[in-house]
Protein backbone atom coordinates (compact mmCIF):
# COMPACT_ATOMS: atom_id res chain seq x y z
CA MET A 1 144.72 152.33 137.74
CA THR A 2 146.99 154.91 136.06
CA HIS A 3 149.17 155.01 139.18
CA THR A 4 149.42 151.20 139.17
CA ILE A 5 150.42 151.15 135.49
CA LYS A 6 153.06 153.82 136.07
CA ALA A 7 154.49 151.97 139.09
CA ALA A 8 154.54 148.66 137.16
CA TYR A 9 156.27 150.33 134.19
CA THR A 10 158.91 151.94 136.45
CA ASP A 11 159.71 148.65 138.22
CA LEU A 12 159.74 146.72 134.93
CA ILE A 13 162.17 149.11 133.24
CA SER A 14 164.38 149.19 136.35
CA PHE A 15 164.55 145.39 136.32
CA LEU A 16 165.18 145.08 132.57
CA LYS A 17 168.10 147.54 132.74
CA ASN A 18 169.92 145.19 135.07
CA PRO A 19 168.15 141.83 135.65
CA ILE A 20 168.96 140.24 139.02
CA ASP A 21 167.92 136.82 140.30
CA GLN A 22 166.05 138.22 143.28
CA ALA A 23 162.40 137.82 144.25
CA GLY A 24 160.26 140.88 144.89
CA GLU A 25 158.31 141.70 148.03
CA PRO A 26 155.21 139.49 148.56
CA ILE A 27 151.99 141.08 147.24
CA SER A 28 148.32 140.25 147.69
CA THR A 29 146.12 138.50 145.11
CA LYS A 30 144.39 141.80 144.34
CA GLN A 31 147.75 143.47 143.74
CA LYS A 32 148.82 140.58 141.48
CA ILE A 33 145.69 141.01 139.36
CA LYS A 34 146.31 144.75 139.05
CA LEU A 35 149.93 144.10 138.11
CA LEU A 36 148.96 141.62 135.38
CA LEU A 37 146.42 144.03 133.91
CA SER A 38 148.91 146.91 134.12
CA LEU A 39 151.58 144.95 132.26
CA LEU A 40 149.04 143.94 129.63
CA ALA A 41 148.16 147.62 129.17
CA ILE A 42 151.89 148.42 128.82
CA GLU A 43 152.37 145.66 126.27
CA ILE A 44 149.38 146.45 124.02
CA PRO A 45 150.80 149.60 122.32
CA PHE A 46 153.94 147.69 121.31
CA ILE A 47 151.88 144.80 119.94
CA LEU A 48 149.70 147.21 117.94
CA LEU A 49 152.78 148.96 116.54
CA PHE A 50 154.33 145.73 115.30
CA SER A 51 150.95 144.55 113.98
CA ILE A 52 150.81 147.65 111.80
CA LEU A 53 154.37 146.97 110.60
CA LEU A 54 153.41 143.37 109.83
CA GLN A 55 150.40 144.52 107.81
CA GLY A 56 152.70 146.83 105.87
CA LEU A 57 155.05 143.95 105.10
CA GLU A 58 152.09 141.88 103.96
CA SER A 59 150.85 144.68 101.68
CA LEU A 60 154.33 144.74 100.12
CA GLU A 61 153.98 140.95 99.62
CA LEU A 62 157.06 140.29 101.74
CA VAL A 63 155.06 138.23 104.25
CA ASP A 64 151.95 136.11 103.77
CA ASN A 65 150.01 135.70 107.01
CA LYS A 66 147.81 133.07 105.38
CA ASP A 67 150.73 130.65 105.78
CA HIS A 68 151.13 131.40 109.51
CA SER A 69 150.97 128.10 111.42
CA VAL A 70 148.81 129.56 114.21
CA LEU A 71 146.23 130.75 111.68
CA LYS A 72 146.17 127.31 110.09
CA MET A 73 145.65 125.72 113.52
CA MET A 74 142.88 128.20 114.20
CA GLN A 75 141.18 127.23 110.95
CA SER A 76 141.62 123.48 111.34
CA MET A 77 140.74 122.94 115.03
CA PRO A 78 137.41 123.36 116.83
CA VAL A 79 137.30 126.82 118.43
CA ALA A 80 137.01 125.52 122.01
CA VAL A 81 139.91 123.10 121.57
CA PHE A 82 142.12 125.72 119.92
CA PHE A 83 141.36 128.28 122.66
CA PHE A 84 142.21 125.76 125.40
CA VAL A 85 145.47 124.77 123.71
CA ALA A 86 146.49 128.37 123.01
CA VAL A 87 145.56 129.80 126.41
CA ILE A 88 146.36 126.96 128.82
CA ILE A 89 148.44 124.13 127.36
CA THR A 90 150.93 126.06 125.21
CA PRO A 91 151.70 128.83 127.76
CA PHE A 92 152.25 126.31 130.55
CA PHE A 93 154.76 124.20 128.64
CA GLU A 94 156.50 127.23 127.13
CA GLU A 95 156.96 128.66 130.63
CA LEU A 96 158.45 125.37 131.80
CA LEU A 97 160.84 125.35 128.86
CA PHE A 98 161.86 129.00 128.60
CA ARG A 99 161.56 130.54 132.08
CA LEU A 100 161.42 128.00 134.88
CA TYR A 101 165.24 127.99 135.04
CA LEU A 102 165.48 131.77 135.55
CA ARG A 103 165.65 131.25 139.30
CA TYR A 104 168.90 129.57 140.36
CA ARG A 105 167.22 127.21 142.79
CA HIS A 106 165.01 125.91 139.94
CA ASN A 107 167.83 125.54 137.42
CA TYR A 108 167.80 121.78 137.10
CA VAL A 109 170.78 121.74 134.72
CA PHE A 110 172.97 123.26 137.42
CA THR A 111 171.40 121.04 140.04
CA THR A 112 172.28 117.97 137.95
CA ILE A 113 175.89 119.15 137.47
CA ILE A 114 176.30 119.74 141.20
CA GLY A 115 174.76 116.35 141.90
CA LEU A 116 177.25 114.64 139.60
CA ALA A 117 180.14 116.58 141.19
CA SER A 118 179.06 115.41 144.64
CA LEU A 119 179.74 111.83 143.55
CA THR A 120 183.46 112.70 143.58
CA GLY A 121 183.40 114.15 147.07
CA SER A 122 182.06 117.09 149.07
CA THR A 123 185.04 119.30 148.19
CA ASN A 124 184.38 119.02 144.46
CA ARG A 125 180.71 119.56 145.11
CA GLU A 126 181.43 122.79 146.96
CA LYS A 127 183.85 124.04 144.28
CA THR A 128 181.36 123.26 141.49
CA SER A 129 178.51 124.91 143.36
CA ASN A 130 180.54 128.07 144.03
CA SER A 131 181.73 128.26 140.42
CA LEU A 132 178.22 127.88 139.03
CA ARG A 133 176.79 130.39 141.50
CA SER A 134 179.52 132.92 140.59
CA PHE A 135 178.90 132.36 136.87
CA TRP A 136 175.14 132.72 137.38
CA THR A 137 175.48 135.99 139.31
CA LYS A 138 177.98 137.61 136.94
CA ARG A 139 176.26 136.51 133.74
CA TYR A 140 172.64 136.59 134.88
CA LYS A 141 171.51 139.51 132.74
CA TYR A 142 172.82 137.74 129.61
CA ILE A 143 171.05 134.54 130.66
CA PHE A 144 167.83 136.51 131.14
CA TYR A 145 168.10 138.30 127.78
CA PHE A 146 168.95 134.98 126.10
CA SER A 147 165.73 133.42 127.42
CA ALA A 148 163.67 136.30 125.97
CA LEU A 149 165.47 136.16 122.62
CA ILE A 150 165.25 132.39 122.22
CA PHE A 151 161.57 132.52 123.17
CA GLY A 152 161.01 135.14 120.48
CA PHE A 153 162.99 133.48 117.70
CA VAL A 154 161.38 130.07 118.29
CA HIS A 155 158.18 131.72 117.05
CA LEU A 156 159.88 132.28 113.71
CA PHE A 157 158.93 128.68 112.94
CA ASN A 158 155.32 129.88 112.68
CA PHE A 159 156.29 131.28 109.26
CA PRO A 160 157.36 129.19 106.24
CA PHE A 161 161.13 129.44 106.01
CA SER A 162 162.66 131.75 103.42
CA LEU A 163 165.54 134.22 103.18
CA THR A 164 163.04 137.10 103.34
CA ILE A 165 161.53 135.77 106.55
CA LEU A 166 165.01 135.35 108.01
CA LEU A 167 165.99 138.94 107.16
CA LEU A 168 162.74 140.29 108.59
CA SER A 169 162.92 138.09 111.70
CA PRO A 170 163.75 140.90 114.18
CA ILE A 171 160.47 142.61 113.26
CA LEU A 172 158.42 139.42 113.02
CA VAL A 173 159.36 138.11 116.48
CA ALA A 174 159.76 141.45 118.30
CA PRO A 175 156.30 141.10 119.97
CA GLN A 176 157.32 137.71 121.40
CA ILE A 177 160.66 139.08 122.63
CA ILE A 178 158.84 141.93 124.42
CA LEU A 179 156.37 139.46 125.90
CA GLY A 180 159.21 137.13 126.94
CA SER A 181 160.92 140.01 128.76
CA ILE A 182 157.76 140.97 130.64
CA ILE A 183 156.97 137.38 131.59
CA GLY A 184 160.59 136.82 132.63
CA TYR A 185 160.35 139.85 134.95
CA LEU A 186 157.20 138.40 136.55
CA ARG A 187 158.70 134.92 136.83
CA VAL A 188 161.76 136.22 138.70
CA ARG A 189 159.98 138.79 140.87
CA TYR A 190 156.75 136.93 141.71
CA GLY A 191 157.13 133.28 140.78
CA PHE A 192 156.45 130.80 138.00
CA MET A 193 152.63 131.00 138.17
CA MET A 194 152.59 134.78 137.73
CA GLY A 195 154.58 134.35 134.53
CA PHE A 196 152.17 131.65 133.38
CA PHE A 197 149.13 133.81 134.18
CA MET A 198 150.59 136.70 132.17
CA HIS A 199 151.28 134.40 129.22
CA ALA A 200 147.77 132.93 129.41
CA LEU A 201 146.19 136.41 129.70
CA HIS A 202 148.15 137.67 126.71
CA ASN A 203 147.12 134.68 124.58
CA ALA A 204 143.49 134.87 125.74
CA VAL A 205 143.22 138.53 124.70
CA PHE A 206 144.98 138.30 121.35
CA VAL A 207 143.67 134.86 120.39
CA GLY A 208 140.19 136.05 121.33
CA LEU A 209 140.60 139.11 119.10
CA GLY A 210 141.87 136.87 116.31
CA LEU A 211 138.87 134.56 116.59
CA LEU A 212 136.54 137.57 116.67
CA ALA A 213 138.15 139.05 113.57
CA MET A 214 137.95 135.68 111.85
CA SER A 215 134.27 135.32 112.68
CA GLN A 216 133.58 138.79 111.27
CA SER A 217 135.59 138.25 108.10
CA ALA A 218 133.89 134.87 107.62
CA VAL A 219 130.68 136.51 106.39
CA LYS A 220 130.88 136.29 102.60
CA GLY A 221 127.36 137.33 101.67
CA ASN A 222 123.96 138.11 103.14
CA SER A 223 121.23 139.32 100.83
CA LYS A 224 117.45 139.35 100.57
CA THR A 225 115.54 140.31 97.41
CA LYS A 226 112.15 139.61 95.87
CA GLU A 227 113.68 136.64 94.05
CA TYR A 228 115.93 135.02 96.65
CA VAL A 229 117.42 134.96 100.15
CA VAL A 230 121.09 134.01 100.53
CA ALA A 231 123.45 133.68 103.51
CA ILE A 232 127.07 132.61 102.93
CA ARG A 233 129.55 132.26 105.75
CA GLU A 234 133.00 130.68 105.71
CA THR A 235 133.80 128.09 108.36
CA PHE A 236 137.26 127.11 109.54
CA ASP A 237 137.01 123.56 110.82
CA LYS A 238 137.93 121.06 108.14
CA HIS A 239 137.60 118.22 110.63
CA ASP A 240 133.94 118.81 111.41
CA ASP A 241 131.21 116.78 109.74
CA SER A 242 129.44 118.27 106.73
CA SER A 243 125.77 118.21 105.82
CA LEU A 244 124.12 119.02 102.46
CA LYS A 245 120.33 119.34 102.40
CA ASN A 246 118.74 119.95 99.01
CA TYR A 247 115.13 121.01 98.48
CA PRO A 248 113.48 121.93 95.16
CA ASP A 249 113.49 125.63 96.06
CA SER A 250 116.28 125.86 98.63
CA LEU A 251 119.72 124.63 99.74
CA VAL A 252 121.02 124.25 103.29
CA TYR A 253 124.72 123.33 103.44
CA GLU A 254 126.69 123.13 106.67
CA ASN A 255 130.51 123.02 106.68
CA ALA A 256 130.52 121.99 103.03
CA SER A 257 133.59 122.49 100.88
CA LEU A 258 133.31 125.16 98.20
CA LYS A 259 134.44 122.50 95.73
CA ALA A 260 131.60 120.13 96.61
CA THR A 261 129.08 122.98 96.53
CA ILE A 262 130.14 124.17 93.07
CA ALA A 263 130.17 120.61 91.75
CA TYR A 264 126.60 120.05 92.92
CA LEU A 265 125.35 123.34 91.50
CA LEU A 266 127.04 122.64 88.16
CA LYS A 267 125.62 119.09 88.20
CA THR A 268 129.12 117.74 87.69
CA ASN A 269 131.75 115.93 89.73
CA GLU A 270 134.51 117.35 91.92
CA SER A 271 137.28 115.62 89.97
CA LEU A 272 136.16 117.57 86.87
CA LEU A 273 136.86 120.89 88.60
CA ASN A 274 140.25 122.53 88.04
CA THR A 275 141.39 125.79 89.61
CA ASN A 276 144.12 128.40 89.92
CA ASP A 277 143.75 128.42 93.73
CA ALA A 278 143.26 125.00 95.34
CA GLU A 279 143.26 126.46 98.86
CA LYS A 280 140.26 128.68 98.12
CA LEU A 281 138.43 125.88 96.36
CA ASP A 282 138.92 123.63 99.40
CA SER A 283 137.61 126.27 101.83
CA ARG A 284 134.54 125.42 103.90
CA LEU A 285 131.27 127.30 104.13
CA ASN A 286 127.76 127.39 105.50
CA PHE A 287 125.48 128.13 102.56
CA ILE A 288 121.75 128.84 102.76
CA PHE A 289 119.82 129.74 99.64
CA LYS A 290 116.06 130.20 99.15
CA ASN A 291 114.51 130.63 95.70
CA LYS A 292 111.42 132.84 96.11
CA THR A 293 110.34 132.62 92.47
CA LYS A 294 107.80 130.07 91.29
CA ASP A 295 110.36 128.38 89.03
CA SER A 296 112.25 125.87 91.20
CA THR A 297 114.30 124.71 88.18
CA LYS A 298 116.35 127.92 88.55
CA THR A 299 117.38 127.23 92.16
CA LYS A 300 120.82 125.85 91.37
CA SER A 301 121.73 128.43 88.72
CA MET A 302 120.61 131.30 90.96
CA ALA A 303 122.55 129.89 93.92
CA LEU A 304 125.67 129.44 91.78
CA GLU A 305 125.45 133.06 90.61
CA GLN A 306 125.48 134.27 94.23
CA LEU A 307 128.38 131.99 95.07
CA MET A 308 130.40 133.34 92.14
CA LYS A 309 129.82 136.90 93.39
CA SER A 310 130.70 136.17 97.02
CA HIS A 311 133.92 134.25 96.22
CA ASP A 312 134.82 136.25 93.10
CA PHE A 313 135.44 133.49 90.54
CA THR A 314 134.54 132.68 86.96
CA ILE A 315 133.88 129.35 85.26
CA ALA A 316 135.25 128.20 81.90
CA LYS A 317 134.47 124.79 80.39
CA LYS A 318 136.52 122.46 78.18
CA ILE A 319 136.11 118.90 76.84
CA LEU A 320 138.99 116.54 77.71
CA PRO A 321 139.67 112.74 77.61
CA THR A 322 138.94 111.46 81.11
CA THR A 323 139.20 108.20 83.06
CA VAL A 324 135.83 107.53 84.71
CA TRP A 325 134.03 104.87 86.70
CA HIS A 326 130.53 104.07 85.49
CA LEU A 327 128.08 103.26 88.24
CA GLU A 328 125.71 100.43 87.15
CA VAL A 329 123.07 98.35 88.89
CA VAL A 330 123.77 94.59 88.64
CA ASN A 331 121.35 93.36 91.33
CA PRO A 332 118.09 95.38 91.21
CA ALA A 333 116.43 93.18 93.85
CA LEU A 334 119.18 93.93 96.36
CA LEU A 335 118.99 97.67 95.63
CA THR A 336 115.19 97.71 96.02
CA LYS A 337 115.55 96.67 99.66
CA HIS A 338 117.02 100.10 100.37
CA LYS A 339 114.25 102.21 98.85
CA SER A 340 113.56 105.28 100.94
CA LYS A 341 110.40 105.11 103.04
CA GLY A 342 110.33 108.84 103.82
CA ASN A 343 107.89 111.27 102.22
CA SER A 344 110.17 114.31 102.35
CA LYS A 345 110.99 116.15 99.13
CA ALA A 346 114.42 116.96 100.49
CA ASN A 347 117.49 114.82 100.10
CA GLU A 348 120.32 114.87 102.63
CA VAL A 349 124.00 113.95 102.42
CA ILE A 350 125.95 113.68 105.68
CA THR A 351 129.69 113.10 105.66
CA THR A 352 131.58 112.16 108.84
CA LYS A 353 135.02 110.70 109.48
CA GLU A 354 133.53 107.22 109.78
CA LYS A 355 130.76 107.03 107.21
CA LEU A 356 128.80 108.54 104.35
CA THR A 357 125.02 108.71 104.83
CA LEU A 358 122.50 109.60 102.12
CA LYS A 359 118.81 109.95 102.89
CA ASN A 360 116.08 110.17 100.28
CA CYS A 361 118.65 110.30 97.46
CA GLY A 362 118.77 108.99 93.93
CA ILE A 363 121.68 107.18 92.30
CA LYS A 364 122.86 110.49 90.79
CA GLN A 365 123.20 112.05 94.27
CA LEU A 366 125.10 108.92 95.33
CA SER A 367 127.58 109.41 92.47
CA PHE A 368 128.12 113.05 93.53
CA ALA A 369 128.72 112.00 97.13
CA LEU A 370 131.17 109.27 96.16
CA ASN A 371 133.23 111.81 94.24
CA GLN A 372 134.07 113.84 97.34
CA ASP A 373 137.52 112.27 97.63
CA GLY A 374 138.39 114.11 94.40
CA LYS A 375 140.48 111.15 93.17
CA HIS A 376 137.95 109.14 91.17
CA LEU A 377 135.28 110.30 88.74
CA ILE A 378 132.12 108.26 89.28
CA ILE A 379 129.27 108.70 86.80
CA ASP A 380 125.69 107.49 87.12
CA GLN A 381 124.82 105.26 84.14
CA THR A 382 121.72 103.67 85.62
CA ASN A 383 118.92 106.05 84.56
CA GLU A 384 117.37 105.18 87.91
CA THR A 385 114.80 107.67 89.21
CA ALA A 386 113.84 105.87 92.43
CA ILE A 387 114.87 107.24 95.82
CA TYR A 388 117.04 105.26 98.25
CA ASP A 389 118.84 105.45 101.58
CA PHE A 390 122.56 104.64 101.59
CA THR A 391 125.11 104.17 104.36
CA LEU A 392 128.73 103.46 103.45
CA SER A 393 131.80 103.17 105.64
CA VAL A 394 134.51 105.65 104.72
CA GLY A 395 137.55 103.67 103.61
CA ASN A 396 139.71 103.16 100.57
CA PHE A 397 138.32 102.94 97.05
CA GLU A 398 138.41 99.14 96.81
CA THR A 399 136.52 98.80 100.10
CA MET A 400 133.85 101.19 98.85
CA LYS A 401 133.44 99.19 95.62
CA GLU A 402 132.95 96.00 97.62
CA GLN A 403 130.34 97.65 99.87
CA LEU A 404 128.38 98.98 96.90
CA GLN A 405 128.19 95.58 95.22
CA SER A 406 127.62 93.38 98.27
CA LYS A 407 125.12 95.66 100.06
CA TYR A 408 123.35 97.52 97.24
CA GLY A 409 123.94 95.50 94.08
CA ILE A 410 125.82 98.36 92.40
CA THR A 411 129.08 97.93 90.52
CA LEU A 412 131.73 100.34 89.21
CA LYS A 413 133.26 99.82 85.75
CA LYS A 414 136.33 101.72 84.52
CA ARG A 415 136.08 103.61 81.21
CA THR A 416 137.92 106.34 79.26
CA THR A 417 135.76 108.93 77.52
CA ASN A 418 135.46 112.66 76.82
CA TYR A 419 134.02 114.79 79.61
CA GLU A 420 133.45 118.45 80.24
CA HIS A 421 135.93 119.95 82.74
CA SER A 422 135.25 123.23 84.52
CA GLN A 423 138.05 125.71 85.27
CA ILE A 424 137.30 127.68 88.43
CA LYS A 425 139.34 130.86 88.16
CA PHE A 426 139.60 133.08 91.25
CA LYS A 427 140.40 136.75 90.68
């Protein structure tokens, strides 16, 4: 394999010194695979070098990788969908856009110009064709370098624009320029699909490493003592459904927002939570907590303590005038029809894009669930202790009010009163 890497490196450097629009000798499928792997091995040291430089820039607070658009896509899309887009869809269309034209016979801009010239006669067609061919041959290396540079600098849009980013751009997009040069070499020498395969292989390796690193860094806390068992893991798909299961001595939350989790543990509402870092408060997590003591009344306070440790925040409270919506029962007979028939001690709240489902929940749990939009503060004023099942379509606030009254006999009344707000301060 060392010999193959050396031969690939020699041919690559020879080509890049003076790019020529000329195909290489045909090679077998096995040789193509070895060539792709060899070029990947050649590329990796350069990628690692610039990754170290990028980490240095981040430590100096010149660059914030948290704002990188690819990272945000990775966090917001299902893993399988993101991997397919990053490894198949994006490379294919980028190759069409940036490197298909690197062979003269596939340069559809020139083909179109020659076609238009032919409308004025064969002589003009011939002159135009010869002029374009001469230009292409004499200027080809600049055309090739331009394709690599433009491919690299397009990736600058992955960063939020600023003067600092602009000044650092040669370093930030250097990996893409190197990749563009290698892929361009393959596209010219061995065809469009070889360039695409190299692009896909590169993305598969580095996206895979990124996903692996993300999965490792997602673990926020795992602990087991005589008093409790806790497992906290960040998730990165804000579009997935969430589920909150609450038992007297344990909590099982799946893809729940940190904001909703804290609100439940504080026995307050999301709109009463303020913070110095909204992005962290809106992060998602899987949270499992088991209270092993005999006192189940401590479950929430013990769970909150572990959450504060894992996410490194403090809580300060303050009384402020607040606009609220009081939740009141106006048709008890209608509400009674929805009494829960289950015998489970657990209550469950499931939130999807289409609906909100509560099983074995009281009116207080309903008020917590209705507050998940963070825009309206809904307070239970019913003193109801019975357990019900609720299903509400997710829509605007007015639609929700209509559903509550027509289906469950519950109304919302607007009030202004003093309420305790909690300041979540991340360190």
